């Protein structure tokens, strides 16, 4: 059989069921851009300071939330989607597709950023490290999850 975009659209629509394709795409693209632009702000903060990372990430998140709010609710984070499920404001099927889109968007955004940055940036990883992160990784993850929730 011959490939057509209409056929691809229809098979995708059947796979998602009643979840609009545009909402899943909005979560993917929004998370991709947040990872790419936010990570770029973090990479730049090596030479310009922590404020660059903080302000850059904050403004990027605000802009992307406004851009995706009308399409998907502007979650852009599995923890936010989880909060919506727990409070009964998001269905489980849409939650599953949002989380898949968000994780894949973040992974591809990070991969694109890695390709876009010069190799010298590999020497300064984009992670928050410190004595607490190194000695108690589960507690740091749990604290981040709860505070984001």
Protein backbone atom coordinates (compact mmCIF):
# COMPACT_ATOMS: atom_id res chain seq x y z
CA UNK A 1 0.00 0.00 0.00
CA UNK A 2 1.06 3.57 -0.68
CA UNK A 3 2.13 5.96 2.12
CA UNK A 4 -0.07 9.02 2.64
CA UNK A 5 -0.09 11.63 5.36
CA UNK A 6 -3.85 11.20 5.67
CA UNK A 7 -3.31 7.50 6.39
CA UNK A 8 -0.66 8.34 8.98
CA UNK A 9 -2.98 10.89 10.59
CA UNK A 10 -5.86 8.42 10.73
CA UNK A 11 -3.72 5.63 12.22
CA UNK A 12 -2.35 8.07 14.81
CA UNK A 13 -5.86 9.23 15.63
CA UNK A 14 -6.98 5.62 16.09
CA UNK A 15 -4.02 4.94 18.38
CA UNK A 16 -4.74 7.95 20.61
CA UNK A 17 -8.47 7.35 20.73
CA UNK A 18 -10.31 10.40 22.06
CA UNK A 19 -7.07 12.23 22.97
CA UNK A 20 -6.51 15.05 20.44
CA UNK A 21 -3.27 14.63 18.48
CA UNK A 22 -2.53 18.35 18.72
CA UNK A 23 -2.50 18.23 22.54
CA UNK A 24 0.07 15.41 22.60
CA UNK A 25 2.19 17.20 19.96
CA UNK A 26 1.99 20.44 22.00
CA UNK A 27 3.33 18.64 25.08
CA UNK A 28 6.15 17.06 23.05
CA UNK A 29 7.19 20.31 21.33
CA UNK A 30 6.83 22.39 24.50
CA UNK A 31 8.94 19.99 26.54
CA UNK A 32 11.48 19.69 23.72
CA UNK A 33 11.87 23.48 23.54
CA UNK A 34 12.02 23.85 27.31
CA UNK A 35 14.80 21.29 27.54
CA UNK A 36 16.68 22.79 24.59
CA UNK A 37 16.35 26.48 25.51
CA UNK A 38 16.53 25.95 29.28
CA UNK A 39 19.58 23.73 28.90
CA UNK A 40 21.16 26.37 26.69
CA UNK A 41 20.59 28.95 29.44
CA UNK A 42 22.22 26.58 31.92
CA UNK A 43 25.19 26.03 29.61
CA UNK A 44 25.60 29.79 29.26
CA UNK A 45 25.48 30.26 33.04
CA UNK A 46 28.95 28.69 33.34
CA UNK A 47 30.41 32.00 32.17
CA UNK A 48 27.64 34.43 33.16
CA UNK A 49 26.42 33.13 36.50
CA UNK A 50 23.46 31.37 38.07
CA UNK A 51 21.06 34.23 37.35
CA UNK A 52 21.28 33.46 33.61
CA UNK A 53 20.11 29.90 34.22
CA UNK A 54 17.37 30.89 36.66
CA UNK A 55 15.93 33.80 34.69
CA UNK A 56 16.34 32.03 31.35
CA UNK A 57 14.55 28.90 32.57
CA UNK A 58 11.79 30.90 34.26
CA UNK A 59 11.05 33.06 31.23
CA UNK A 60 11.28 30.08 28.88
CA UNK A 61 8.85 28.05 30.98
CA UNK A 62 6.41 30.97 31.21
CA UNK A 63 6.46 31.55 27.43
CA UNK A 64 6.06 27.86 26.62
CA UNK A 65 3.24 27.43 29.14
CA UNK A 66 1.35 30.31 27.54
CA UNK A 67 2.04 28.88 24.08
CA UNK A 68 0.70 25.42 24.94
CA UNK A 69 -1.99 26.34 27.46
CA UNK A 70 -4.82 26.46 24.94
CA UNK A 71 -3.73 23.26 23.21
CA UNK A 72 -2.89 20.90 26.05
CA UNK A 73 -3.13 22.75 29.32
CA UNK A 74 0.57 23.67 29.34
CA UNK A 75 1.71 20.89 31.67
CA UNK A 76 5.20 20.31 30.17
CA UNK A 77 6.18 18.14 33.14
CA UNK A 78 5.05 14.65 34.19
CA UNK A 79 4.81 15.84 37.81
CA UNK A 80 2.29 18.51 36.79
CA UNK A 81 0.32 15.96 34.77
CA UNK A 82 0.39 13.60 37.77
CA UNK A 83 -1.07 16.35 39.97
CA UNK A 84 -3.87 16.84 37.46
CA UNK A 85 -4.66 13.10 37.48
CA UNK A 86 -4.61 12.90 41.28
CA UNK A 87 -7.02 15.84 41.54
CA UNK A 88 -9.31 14.35 38.88
CA UNK A 89 -8.76 17.04 36.24
CA UNK A 90 -7.01 14.82 33.67
CA UNK A 91 -8.04 11.41 32.36
CA UNK A 92 -5.70 8.43 32.62
CA UNK A 93 -5.41 7.87 28.87
CA UNK A 94 -4.51 11.50 28.21
CA UNK A 95 -2.12 11.36 31.18
CA UNK A 96 -0.32 8.36 29.69
CA UNK A 97 0.10 10.06 26.30
CA UNK A 98 1.17 13.36 27.89
CA UNK A 99 3.86 11.62 29.96
CA UNK A 100 5.16 9.72 26.93
CA UNK A 101 5.27 12.96 24.90
CA UNK A 102 6.96 14.87 27.74
CA UNK A 103 9.66 12.25 28.33
CA UNK A 104 10.37 11.84 24.60
CA UNK A 105 10.36 15.63 24.14
CA UNK A 106 12.85 16.08 26.97
CA UNK A 107 15.14 13.33 25.64
CA UNK A 108 15.13 14.66 22.09
CA UNK A 109 15.57 18.25 23.32
CA UNK A 110 18.61 17.21 25.34
CA UNK A 111 20.03 15.29 22.38
CA UNK A 112 19.51 18.29 20.07
CA UNK A 113 21.19 20.59 22.60
CA UNK A 114 24.14 18.22 22.93
CA UNK A 115 24.56 18.31 19.14
CA UNK A 116 24.20 22.11 19.05
CA UNK A 117 26.79 22.89 21.72
CA UNK A 118 30.54 22.77 21.18
CA UNK A 119 32.45 19.81 22.68
CA UNK A 120 34.04 22.10 25.30
CA UNK A 121 30.64 22.25 27.02
CA UNK A 122 30.92 18.53 27.82
CA UNK A 123 33.36 19.45 30.58
CA UNK A 124 30.63 21.25 32.52
CA UNK A 125 27.61 18.97 32.81
CA UNK A 126 24.21 20.60 33.20
CA UNK A 127 23.45 19.09 36.58
CA UNK A 128 23.00 20.49 40.01
CA UNK A 129 25.59 18.82 42.16
CA UNK A 130 26.61 19.24 45.71
CA UNK A 131 27.22 17.29 48.87
CA UNK A 132 23.51 16.56 49.39
CA UNK A 133 22.98 15.41 45.76
CA UNK A 134 25.98 13.11 45.89
CA UNK A 135 25.37 11.58 49.30
CA UNK A 136 21.55 11.35 49.24
CA UNK A 137 20.33 11.06 45.62
CA UNK A 138 16.95 9.47 46.47
CA UNK A 139 16.11 12.15 49.01
CA UNK A 140 17.06 14.91 46.55
CA UNK A 141 14.90 13.31 43.85
CA UNK A 142 12.00 12.88 46.28
CA UNK A 143 12.28 16.49 47.47
CA UNK A 144 12.33 17.74 43.87
CA UNK A 145 9.29 15.60 43.01
CA UNK A 146 7.28 16.82 46.00
CA UNK A 147 8.21 20.47 45.50
CA UNK A 148 7.31 20.28 41.80
CA UNK A 149 4.09 18.46 42.56
